Amino acid sequence: MAAIILKYRLKPGVTRADFENWVTTIDQPAMRGLTSVAAFNTYRVTGLLLGEGEPSADYVEVFDLADLAAFTGTDMPGAAVQAIMGQFMGFADTPEFLLAEAV
């Protein structure tokens, strides 16, 4: 099973409350409704387990994909994901999308 791991900071001026409301009411229901997505979760980064300083991200998202080809070939270019991505880019500052697979 493939995974997409997404890490990002919020744009200046975006509040956690506004973003997390959008995540729980719009983003998660839409992404979890895709048949190519087995699981989708958003995590608020609260600190570093080891070391000092600030974490490199405010949030991390993990998509467990049931079907990578369907997600990239059908869902990503589709109207639902494009609408969500447009909204997401209004919240997120330079997101990093990592494609991963289990070892």
PDB file of N, CA and C in Angstrom:
ATOM      1  N   MET A   1       0.841  -1.169   0.000  1.00  0.00           N
ATOM      2  CA  MET A   1       0.000   0.000   0.000  1.00  0.00           C
ATOM      3  C   MET A   1       0.890   1.237   0.000  1.00  0.00           C
ATOM      4  N   ALA A   2       0.578   2.178  -0.854  1.00  0.00           N
ATOM      5  CA  ALA A   2       1.325   3.428  -0.936  1.00  0.00           C
ATOM      6  C   ALA A   2       0.739   4.433   0.058  1.00  0.00           C
ATOM      7  N   ALA A   3       1.547   5.415   0.373  1.00  0.00           N
ATOM      8  CA  ALA A   3       1.096   6.478   1.260  1.00  0.00           C
ATOM      9  C   ALA A   3       1.590   7.816   0.736  1.00  0.00           C
ATOM     10  N   ILE A   4       0.839   8.831   1.035  1.00  0.00           N
ATOM     11  CA  ILE A   4       1.280  10.200   0.810  1.00  0.00           C
ATOM     12  C   ILE A   4       1.371  10.841   2.193  1.00  0.00           C
ATOM     13  N   ILE A   5       2.527  11.404   2.474  1.00  0.00           N
ATOM     14  CA  ILE A   5       2.744  12.115   3.728  1.00  0.00           C
ATOM     15  C   ILE A   5       2.940  13.576   3.354  1.00  0.00           C
ATOM     16  N   LEU A   6       2.164  14.410   3.960  1.00  0.00           N
ATOM     17  CA  LEU A   6       2.153  15.826   3.623  1.00  0.00           C
ATOM     18  C   LEU A   6       2.514  16.611   4.870  1.00  0.00           C
ATOM     19  N   LYS A   7       3.515  17.473   4.773  1.00  0.00           N
ATOM     20  CA  LYS A   7       3.870  18.301   5.921  1.00  0.00           C
ATOM     21  C   LYS A   7       3.904  19.755   5.486  1.00  0.00           C
ATOM     22  N   TYR A   8       3.445  20.625   6.407  1.00  0.00           N
ATOM     23  CA  TYR A   8       3.331  22.033   6.043  1.00  0.00           C
ATOM     24  C   TYR A   8       3.154  22.904   7.278  1.00  0.00           C
ATOM     25  N   ARG A   9       3.355  24.182   7.061  1.00  0.00           N
ATOM     26  CA  ARG A   9       3.051  25.218   8.046  1.00  0.00           C
ATOM     27  C   ARG A   9       1.817  25.963   7.551  1.00  0.00           C
ATOM     28  N   LEU A  10       1.133  26.620   8.455  1.00  0.00           N
ATOM     29  CA  LEU A  10       0.027  27.480   8.068  1.00  0.00           C
ATOM     30  C   LEU A  10       0.572  28.806   7.565  1.00  0.00           C
ATOM     31  N   LYS A  11      -0.129  29.397   6.617  1.00  0.00           N
ATOM     32  CA  LYS A  11       0.251  30.711   6.119  1.00  0.00           C
ATOM     33  C   LYS A  11       0.069  31.748   7.223  1.00  0.00           C
ATOM     34  N   PRO A  12       0.852  32.810   7.190  1.00  0.00           N
ATOM     35  CA  PRO A  12       0.661  33.888   8.166  1.00  0.00           C
ATOM     36  C   PRO A  12      -0.790  34.391   8.107  1.00  0.00           C
ATOM     37  N   GLY A  13      -1.362  34.612   9.271  1.00  0.00           N
ATOM     38  CA  GLY A  13      -2.730  35.103   9.349  1.00  0.00           C
ATOM     39  C   GLY A  13      -3.794  34.027   9.421  1.00  0.00           C
ATOM     40  N   VAL A  14      -3.437  32.769   9.126  1.00  0.00           N
ATOM     41  CA  VAL A  14      -4.392  31.664   9.217  1.00  0.00           C
ATOM     42  C   VAL A  14      -4.386  31.146  10.650  1.00  0.00           C
ATOM     43  N   THR A  15      -5.552  31.089  11.269  1.00  0.00           N
ATOM     44  CA  THR A  15      -5.622  30.590  12.643  1.00  0.00           C
ATOM     45  C   THR A  15      -5.804  29.079  12.657  1.00  0.00           C
ATOM     46  N   ARG A  16      -5.308  28.460  13.716  1.00  0.00           N
ATOM     47  CA  ARG A  16      -5.500  27.014  13.883  1.00  0.00           C
ATOM     48  C   ARG A  16      -6.981  26.680  13.925  1.00  0.00           C
ATOM     49  N   ALA A  17      -7.765  27.497  14.611  1.00  0.00           N
ATOM     50  CA  ALA A  17      -9.198  27.226  14.749  1.00  0.00           C
ATOM     51  C   ALA A  17      -9.882  27.207  13.382  1.00  0.00           C
ATOM     52  N   ASP A  18      -9.606  28.203  12.549  1.00  0.00           N
ATOM     53  CA  ASP A  18     -10.217  28.244  11.217  1.00  0.00           C
ATOM     54  C   ASP A  18      -9.766  27.057  10.374  1.00  0.00           C
ATOM     55  N   PHE A  19      -8.467  26.768  10.407  1.00  0.00           N
ATOM     56  CA  PHE A  19      -7.951  25.664   9.608  1.00  0.00           C
ATOM     57  C   PHE A  19      -8.523  24.329  10.079  1.00  0.00           C
ATOM     58  N   GLU A  20      -8.515  24.083  11.370  1.00  0.00           N
ATOM     59  CA  GLU A  20      -8.990  22.800  11.882  1.00  0.00           C
ATOM     60  C   GLU A  20     -10.492  22.626  11.690  1.00  0.00           C
ATOM     61  N   ASN A  21     -11.244  23.700  11.697  1.00  0.00           N
ATOM     62  CA  ASN A  21     -12.663  23.619  11.365  1.00  0.00           C
ATOM     63  C   ASN A  21     -12.828  23.175   9.918  1.00  0.00           C
ATOM     64  N   TRP A  22     -12.058  23.754   9.011  1.00  0.00           N
ATOM     65  CA  TRP A  22     -12.101  23.362   7.597  1.00  0.00           C
ATOM     66  C   TRP A  22     -11.693  21.893   7.438  1.00  0.00           C
ATOM     67  N   VAL A  23     -10.639  21.481   8.141  1.00  0.00           N
ATOM     68  CA  VAL A  23     -10.163  20.090   8.044  1.00  0.00           C
ATOM     69  C   VAL A  23     -11.272  19.116   8.430  1.00  0.00           C
ATOM     70  N   THR A  24     -11.930  19.362   9.555  1.00  0.00           N
ATOM     71  CA  THR A  24     -12.914  18.396  10.059  1.00  0.00           C
ATOM     72  C   THR A  24     -14.252  18.452   9.331  1.00  0.00           C
ATOM     73  N   THR A  25     -14.600  19.599   8.764  1.00  0.00           N
ATOM     74  CA  THR A  25     -15.909  19.709   8.109  1.00  0.00           C
ATOM     75  C   THR A  25     -15.867  19.556   6.593  1.00  0.00           C
ATOM     76  N   ILE A  26     -14.732  19.850   5.978  1.00  0.00           N
ATOM     77  CA  ILE A  26     -14.628  19.826   4.514  1.00  0.00           C
ATOM     78  C   ILE A  26     -13.593  18.801   4.030  1.00  0.00           C
ATOM     79  N   ASP A  27     -12.363  18.961   4.467  1.00  0.00           N
ATOM     80  CA  ASP A  27     -11.240  18.184   3.948  1.00  0.00           C
ATOM     81  C   ASP A  27     -11.360  16.688   4.261  1.00  0.00           C
ATOM     82  N   GLN A  28     -11.481  16.356   5.528  1.00  0.00           N
ATOM     83  CA  GLN A  28     -11.528  14.937   5.897  1.00  0.00           C
ATOM     84  C   GLN A  28     -12.730  14.209   5.288  1.00  0.00           C
ATOM     85  N   PRO A  29     -13.935  14.760   5.347  1.00  0.00           N
ATOM     86  CA  PRO A  29     -15.047  14.034   4.705  1.00  0.00           C
ATOM     87  C   PRO A  29     -14.839  13.813   3.203  1.00  0.00           C
ATOM     88  N   ALA A  30     -14.291  14.806   2.527  1.00  0.00           N
ATOM     89  CA  ALA A  30     -14.078  14.670   1.086  1.00  0.00           C
ATOM     90  C   ALA A  30     -13.011  13.621   0.770  1.00  0.00           C
ATOM     91  N   MET A  31     -11.875  13.698   1.447  1.00  0.00           N
ATOM     92  CA  MET A  31     -10.781  12.756   1.164  1.00  0.00           C
ATOM     93  C   MET A  31     -11.137  11.339   1.601  1.00  0.00           C
ATOM     94  N   ARG A  32     -11.815  11.218   2.717  1.00  0.00           N
ATOM     95  CA  ARG A  32     -12.207   9.888   3.199  1.00  0.00           C
ATOM     96  C   ARG A  32     -13.295   9.269   2.336  1.00  0.00           C
ATOM     97  N   GLY A  33     -13.975  10.070   1.558  1.00  0.00           N
ATOM     98  CA  GLY A  33     -15.016   9.570   0.672  1.00  0.00           C
ATOM     99  C   GLY A  33     -14.509   9.021  -0.645  1.00  0.00           C
ATOM    100  N   LEU A  34     -13.232   9.177  -0.927  1.00  0.00           N
ATOM    101  CA  LEU A  34     -12.649   8.664  -2.170  1.00  0.00           C
ATOM    102  C   LEU A  34     -12.367   7.171  -2.038  1.00  0.00           C
ATOM    103  N   THR A  35     -12.760   6.396  -3.012  1.00  0.00           N
ATOM    104  CA  THR A  35     -12.546   4.946  -2.933  1.00  0.00           C
ATOM    105  C   THR A  35     -11.071   4.571  -3.011  1.00  0.00           C
ATOM    106  N   SER A  36     -10.241   5.427  -3.575  1.00  0.00           N
ATOM    107  CA  SER A  36      -8.808   5.139  -3.663  1.00  0.00           C
ATOM    108  C   SER A  36      -8.081   5.394  -2.349  1.00  0.00           C
ATOM    109  N   VAL A  37      -8.736   6.049  -1.388  1.00  0.00           N
ATOM    110  CA  VAL A  37      -8.119   6.391  -0.105  1.00  0.00           C
ATOM    111  C   VAL A  37      -8.635   5.430   0.967  1.00  0.00           C
ATOM    112  N   ALA A  38      -7.712   4.629   1.529  1.00  0.00           N
ATOM    113  CA  ALA A  38      -8.078   3.676   2.584  1.00  0.00           C
ATOM    114  C   ALA A  38      -8.220   4.378   3.934  1.00  0.00           C
ATOM    115  N   ALA A  39      -7.385   5.392   4.178  1.00  0.00           N
ATOM    116  CA  ALA A  39      -7.437   6.149   5.430  1.00  0.00           C
ATOM    117  C   ALA A  39      -6.794   7.507   5.196  1.00  0.00           C
ATOM    118  N   PHE A  40      -7.284   8.505   5.921  1.00  0.00           N
ATOM    119  CA  PHE A  40      -6.750   9.861   5.820  1.00  0.00           C
ATOM    120  C   PHE A  40      -6.864  10.523   7.182  1.00  0.00           C
ATOM    121  N   ASN A  41      -5.725  11.011   7.694  1.00  0.00           N
ATOM    122  CA  ASN A  41      -5.715  11.676   8.995  1.00  0.00           C
ATOM    123  C   ASN A  41      -4.815  12.900   8.958  1.00  0.00           C
ATOM    124  N   THR A  42      -5.219  13.907   9.712  1.00  0.00           N
ATOM    125  CA  THR A  42      -4.456  15.142   9.856  1.00  0.00           C
ATOM    126  C   THR A  42      -3.993  15.227  11.303  1.00  0.00           C
ATOM    127  N   TYR A  43      -2.710  15.538  11.488  1.00  0.00           N
ATOM    128  CA  TYR A  43      -2.115  15.613  12.820  1.00  0.00           C
ATOM    129  C   TYR A  43      -1.548  17.006  13.052  1.00  0.00           C
ATOM    130  N   ARG A  44      -1.883  17.597  14.186  1.00  0.00           N
ATOM    131  CA  ARG A  44      -1.281  18.865  14.603  1.00  0.00           C
ATOM    132  C   ARG A  44       0.045  18.525  15.270  1.00  0.00           C
ATOM    133  N   VAL A  45       1.125  19.150  14.828  1.00  0.00           N
ATOM    134  CA  VAL A  45       2.442  18.928  15.426  1.00  0.00           C
ATOM    135  C   VAL A  45       2.513  19.759  16.706  1.00  0.00           C
ATOM    136  N   THR A  46       2.842  19.093  17.812  1.00  0.00           N
ATOM    137  CA  THR A  46       2.845  19.768  19.108  1.00  0.00           C
ATOM    138  C   THR A  46       4.245  19.997  19.663  1.00  0.00           C
ATOM    139  N   GLY A  47       5.260  19.448  19.037  1.00  0.00           N
ATOM    140  CA  GLY A  47       6.621  19.654  19.511  1.00  0.00           C
ATOM    141  C   GLY A  47       7.544  18.584  18.974  1.00  0.00           C
ATOM    142  N   LEU A  48       8.774  18.631  19.438  1.00  0.00           N
ATOM    143  CA  LEU A  48       9.791  17.647  19.067  1.00  0.00           C
ATOM    144  C   LEU A  48       9.934  16.615  20.172  1.00  0.00           C
ATOM    145  N   LEU A  49      10.056  15.363  19.814  1.00  0.00           N
ATOM    146  CA  LEU A  49      10.297  14.318  20.800  1.00  0.00           C
ATOM    147  C   LEU A  49      11.731  14.403  21.318  1.00  0.00           C
ATOM    148  N   LEU A  50      12.663  14.657  20.401  1.00  0.00           N
ATOM    149  CA  LEU A  50      14.081  14.763  20.756  1.00  0.00           C
ATOM    150  C   LEU A  50      14.636  16.076  20.222  1.00  0.00           C
ATOM    151  N   GLY A  51      15.579  16.639  20.928  1.00  0.00           N
ATOM    152  CA  GLY A  51      16.229  17.848  20.470  1.00  0.00           C
ATOM    153  C   GLY A  51      15.489  19.100  20.901  1.00  0.00           C
ATOM    154  N   GLU A  52      16.049  20.216  20.509  1.00  0.00           N
ATOM    155  CA  GLU A  52      15.499  21.506  20.872  1.00  0.00           C
ATOM    156  C   GLU A  52      15.132  22.278  19.622  1.00  0.00           C
ATOM    157  N   GLY A  53      14.354  23.314  19.808  1.00  0.00           N
ATOM    158  CA  GLY A  53      13.984  24.166  18.693  1.00  0.00           C
ATOM    159  C   GLY A  53      12.552  23.932  18.258  1.00  0.00           C
ATOM    160  N   GLU A  54      12.226  24.468  17.111  1.00  0.00           N
ATOM    161  CA  GLU A  54      10.877  24.393  16.565  1.00  0.00           C
ATOM    162  C   GLU A  54      10.766  23.250  15.562  1.00  0.00           C
ATOM    163  N   PRO A  55       9.643  22.547  15.533  1.00  0.00           N
ATOM    164  CA  PRO A  55       9.418  21.538  14.499  1.00  0.00           C
ATOM    165  C   PRO A  55       9.404  22.190  13.114  1.00  0.00           C
ATOM    166  N   SER A  56       9.667  21.418  12.096  1.00  0.00           N
ATOM    167  CA  SER A  56       9.712  21.940  10.727  1.00  0.00           C
ATOM    168  C   SER A  56       8.325  22.083  10.117  1.00  0.00           C
ATOM    169  N   ALA A  57       7.277  21.627  10.811  1.00  0.00           N
ATOM    170  CA  ALA A  57       5.921  21.692  10.279  1.00  0.00           C
ATOM    171  C   ALA A  57       4.928  21.973  11.406  1.00  0.00           C
ATOM    172  N   ASP A  58       3.796  22.578  11.035  1.00  0.00           N
ATOM    173  CA  ASP A  58       2.688  22.771  11.971  1.00  0.00           C
ATOM    174  C   ASP A  58       1.738  21.578  11.939  1.00  0.00           C
ATOM    175  N   TYR A  59       1.612  20.953  10.758  1.00  0.00           N
ATOM    176  CA  TYR A  59       0.690  19.832  10.555  1.00  0.00           C
ATOM    177  C   TYR A  59       1.338  18.790   9.663  1.00  0.00           C
ATOM    178  N   VAL A  60       0.886  17.550   9.852  1.00  0.00           N
ATOM    179  CA  VAL A  60       1.269  16.428   9.002  1.00  0.00           C
ATOM    180  C   VAL A  60      -0.014  15.688   8.643  1.00  0.00           C
ATOM    181  N   GLU A  61      -0.143  15.326   7.380  1.00  0.00           N
ATOM    182  CA  GLU A  61      -1.272  14.515   6.935  1.00  0.00           C
ATOM    183  C   GLU A  61      -0.738  13.209   6.377  1.00  0.00           C
ATOM    184  N   VAL A  62      -1.483  12.141   6.609  1.00  0.00           N
ATOM    185  CA  VAL A  62      -1.104  10.832   6.085  1.00  0.00           C
ATOM    186  C   VAL A  62      -2.294  10.252   5.329  1.00  0.00           C
ATOM    187  N   PHE A  63      -2.061  10.002   4.057  1.00  0.00           N
ATOM    188  CA  PHE A  63      -3.025   9.316   3.202  1.00  0.00           C
ATOM    189  C   PHE A  63      -2.536   7.883   3.031  1.00  0.00           C
ATOM    190  N   ASP A  64      -3.308   6.893   3.444  1.00  0.00           N
ATOM    191  CA  ASP A  64      -3.028   5.510   3.096  1.00  0.00           C
ATOM    192  C   ASP A  64      -3.874   5.232   1.865  1.00  0.00           C
ATOM    193  N   LEU A  65      -3.210   4.906   0.761  1.00  0.00           N
ATOM    194  CA  LEU A  65      -3.911   4.753  -0.510  1.00  0.00           C
ATOM    195  C   LEU A  65      -4.180   3.294  -0.816  1.00  0.00           C
ATOM    196  N   ALA A  66      -5.418   2.995  -1.088  1.00  0.00           N
ATOM    197  CA  ALA A  66      -5.795   1.653  -1.518  1.00  0.00           C
ATOM    198  C   ALA A  66      -5.371   1.433  -2.968  1.00  0.00           C
ATOM    199  N   ASP A  67      -5.335   2.526  -3.753  1.00  0.00           N
ATOM    200  CA  ASP A  67      -5.027   2.425  -5.180  1.00  0.00           C
ATOM    201  C   ASP A  67      -4.341   3.714  -5.632  1.00  0.00           C
ATOM    202  N   LEU A  68      -3.012   3.688  -5.688  1.00  0.00           N
ATOM    203  CA  LEU A  68      -2.232   4.865  -6.077  1.00  0.00           C
ATOM    204  C   LEU A  68      -2.579   5.315  -7.485  1.00  0.00           C
ATOM    205  N   ALA A  69      -2.697   4.378  -8.413  1.00  0.00           N
ATOM    206  CA  ALA A  69      -2.997   4.734  -9.802  1.00  0.00           C
ATOM    207  C   ALA A  69      -4.353   5.435  -9.916  1.00  0.00           C
ATOM    208  N   ALA A  70      -5.343   4.954  -9.193  1.00  0.00           N
ATOM    209  CA  ALA A  70      -6.662   5.593  -9.227  1.00  0.00           C
ATOM    210  C   ALA A  70      -6.608   6.971  -8.576  1.00  0.00           C
ATOM    211  N   PHE A  71      -5.844   7.101  -7.499  1.00  0.00           N
ATOM    212  CA  PHE A  71      -5.754   8.396  -6.831  1.00  0.00           C
ATOM    213  C   PHE A  71      -5.088   9.423  -7.739  1.00  0.00           C
ATOM    214  N   THR A  72      -3.943   9.064  -8.337  1.00  0.00           N
ATOM    215  CA  THR A  72      -3.221  10.024  -9.169  1.00  0.00           C
ATOM    216  C   THR A  72      -3.860  10.192 -10.544  1.00  0.00           C
ATOM    217  N   GLY A  73      -4.464   9.146 -11.068  1.00  0.00           N
ATOM    218  CA  GLY A  73      -5.005   9.211 -12.426  1.00  0.00           C
ATOM    219  C   GLY A  73      -6.431   9.704 -12.522  1.00  0.00           C
ATOM    220  N   THR A  74      -7.233   9.430 -11.501  1.00  0.00           N
ATOM    221  CA  THR A  74      -8.652   9.789 -11.543  1.00  0.00           C
ATOM    222  C   THR A  74      -9.010  10.826 -10.494  1.00  0.00           C
ATOM    223  N   ASP A  75      -8.662  10.566  -9.238  1.00  0.00           N
ATOM    224  CA  ASP A  75      -9.095  11.444  -8.153  1.00  0.00           C
ATOM    225  C   ASP A  75      -8.388  12.807  -8.154  1.00  0.00           C
ATOM    226  N   MET A  76      -7.068  12.816  -8.283  1.00  0.00           N
ATOM    227  CA  MET A  76      -6.343  14.090  -8.233  1.00  0.00           C
ATOM    228  C   MET A  76      -6.802  15.075  -9.304  1.00  0.00           C
ATOM    229  N   PRO A  77      -6.965  14.659 -10.545  1.00  0.00           N
ATOM    230  CA  PRO A  77      -7.426  15.627 -11.546  1.00  0.00           C
ATOM    231  C   PRO A  77      -8.937  15.894 -11.487  1.00  0.00           C
ATOM    232  N   GLY A  78      -9.661  15.159 -10.667  1.00  0.00           N
ATOM    233  CA  GLY A  78     -11.112  15.305 -10.586  1.00  0.00           C
ATOM    234  C   GLY A  78     -11.541  16.572  -9.862  1.00  0.00           C
ATOM    235  N   ALA A  79     -12.788  16.934 -10.062  1.00  0.00           N
ATOM    236  CA  ALA A  79     -13.330  18.184  -9.519  1.00  0.00           C
ATOM    237  C   ALA A  79     -13.265  18.239  -7.993  1.00  0.00           C
ATOM    238  N   ALA A  80     -13.563  17.138  -7.308  1.00  0.00           N
ATOM    239  CA  ALA A  80     -13.601  17.147  -5.838  1.00  0.00           C
ATOM    240  C   ALA A  80     -12.222  17.447  -5.253  1.00  0.00           C
ATOM    241  N   VAL A  81     -11.203  16.722  -5.699  1.00  0.00           N
ATOM    242  CA  VAL A  81      -9.853  16.929  -5.155  1.00  0.00           C
ATOM    243  C   VAL A  81      -9.315  18.289  -5.578  1.00  0.00           C
ATOM    244  N   GLN A  82      -9.578  18.716  -6.792  1.00  0.00           N
ATOM    245  CA  GLN A  82      -9.103  20.028  -7.234  1.00  0.00           C
ATOM    246  C   GLN A  82      -9.719  21.152  -6.410  1.00  0.00           C
ATOM    247  N   ALA A  83     -10.991  21.024  -6.063  1.00  0.00           N
ATOM    248  CA  ALA A  83     -11.639  22.042  -5.222  1.00  0.00           C
ATOM    249  C   ALA A  83     -11.013  22.067  -3.833  1.00  0.00           C
ATOM    250  N   ILE A  84     -10.784  20.888  -3.256  1.00  0.00           N
ATOM    251  CA  ILE A  84     -10.162  20.801  -1.930  1.00  0.00           C
ATOM    252  C   ILE A  84      -8.744  21.359  -1.975  1.00  0.00           C
ATOM    253  N   MET A  85      -7.990  21.010  -3.017  1.00  0.00           N
ATOM    254  CA  MET A  85      -6.612  21.506  -3.129  1.00  0.00           C
ATOM    255  C   MET A  85      -6.576  23.024  -3.238  1.00  0.00           C
ATOM    256  N   GLY A  86      -7.504  23.602  -3.977  1.00  0.00           N
ATOM    257  CA  GLY A  86      -7.560  25.048  -4.091  1.00  0.00           C
ATOM    258  C   GLY A  86      -7.792  25.702  -2.743  1.00  0.00           C
ATOM    259  N   GLN A  87      -8.695  25.145  -1.957  1.00  0.00           N
ATOM    260  CA  GLN A  87      -8.959  25.664  -0.621  1.00  0.00           C
ATOM    261  C   GLN A  87      -7.750  25.451   0.286  1.00  0.00           C
ATOM    262  N   PHE A  88      -7.163  24.248   0.223  1.00  0.00           N
ATOM    263  CA  PHE A  88      -6.015  23.897   1.056  1.00  0.00           C
ATOM    264  C   PHE A  88      -4.854  24.869   0.836  1.00  0.00           C
ATOM    265  N   MET A  89      -4.607  25.226  -0.424  1.00  0.00           N
ATOM    266  CA  MET A  89      -3.483  26.111  -0.727  1.00  0.00           C
ATOM    267  C   MET A  89      -3.697  27.517  -0.153  1.00  0.00           C
ATOM    268  N   GLY A  90      -4.923  27.861   0.199  1.00  0.00           N
ATOM    269  CA  GLY A  90      -5.180  29.118   0.885  1.00  0.00           C
ATOM    270  C   GLY A  90      -4.768  29.082   2.351  1.00  0.00           C
ATOM    271  N   PHE A  91      -4.635  27.890   2.904  1.00  0.00           N
ATOM    272  CA  PHE A  91      -4.243  27.712   4.301  1.00  0.00           C
ATOM    273  C   PHE A  91      -2.757  27.388   4.461  1.00  0.00           C
ATOM    274  N   ALA A  92      -2.218  26.553   3.576  1.00  0.00           N
ATOM    275  CA  ALA A  92      -0.894  25.954   3.766  1.00  0.00           C
ATOM    276  C   ALA A  92       0.203  26.746   3.072  1.00  0.00           C
ATOM    277  N   ASP A  93       1.308  26.885   3.767  1.00  0.00           N
ATOM    278  CA  ASP A  93       2.480  27.580   3.252  1.00  0.00           C
ATOM    279  C   ASP A  93       3.512  26.549   2.812  1.00  0.00           C
ATOM    280  N   THR A  94       3.829  26.511   1.550  1.00  0.00           N
ATOM    281  CA  THR A  94       4.811  25.608   0.937  1.00  0.00           C
ATOM    282  C   THR A  94       4.698  24.155   1.429  1.00  0.00           C
ATOM    283  N   PRO A  95       3.571  23.507   1.154  1.00  0.00           N
ATOM    284  CA  PRO A  95       3.438  22.106   1.573  1.00  0.00           C
ATOM    285  C   PRO A  95       4.414  21.201   0.828  1.00  0.00           C
ATOM    286  N   GLU A  96       4.854  20.154   1.510  1.00  0.00           N
ATOM    287  CA  GLU A  96       5.733  19.151   0.918  1.00  0.00           C
ATOM    288  C   GLU A  96       4.972  17.834   0.864  1.00  0.00           C
ATOM    289  N   PHE A  97       4.775  17.328  -0.360  1.00  0.00           N
ATOM    290  CA  PHE A  97       4.045  16.079  -0.589  1.00  0.00           C
ATOM    291  C   PHE A  97       5.065  14.960  -0.788  1.00  0.00           C
ATOM    292  N   LEU A  98       5.083  13.999   0.129  1.00  0.00           N
ATOM    293  CA  LEU A  98       6.037  12.890   0.064  1.00  0.00           C
ATOM    294  C   LEU A  98       5.293  11.609  -0.311  1.00  0.00           C
ATOM    295  N   LEU A  99       5.761  10.927  -1.318  1.00  0.00           N
ATOM    296  CA  LEU A  99       5.217   9.632  -1.707  1.00  0.00           C
ATOM    297  C   LEU A  99       6.041   8.564  -0.998  1.00  0.00           C
ATOM    298  N   ALA A 100       5.374   7.664  -0.287  1.00  0.00           N
ATOM    299  CA  ALA A 100       6.089   6.672   0.529  1.00  0.00           C
ATOM    300  C   ALA A 100       5.454   5.307   0.383  1.00  0.00           C
ATOM    301  N   GLU A 101       6.227   4.292   0.734  1.00  0.00           N
ATOM    302  CA  GLU A 101       5.688   2.927   0.777  1.00  0.00           C
ATOM    303  C   GLU A 101       6.256   2.225   1.995  1.00  0.00           C
ATOM    304  N   ALA A 102       5.508   1.294   2.512  1.00  0.00           N
ATOM    305  CA  ALA A 102       5.927   0.555   3.700  1.00  0.00           C
ATOM    306  C   ALA A 102       7.140  -0.305   3.390  1.00  0.00           C
ATOM    307  N   VAL A 103       8.003  -0.461   4.366  1.00  0.00           N
ATOM    308  CA  VAL A 103       9.205  -1.299   4.227  1.00  0.00           C
ATOM    309  C   VAL A 103       8.913  -2.645   4.865  1.00  0.00           C
TER     310      VAL A 103
END
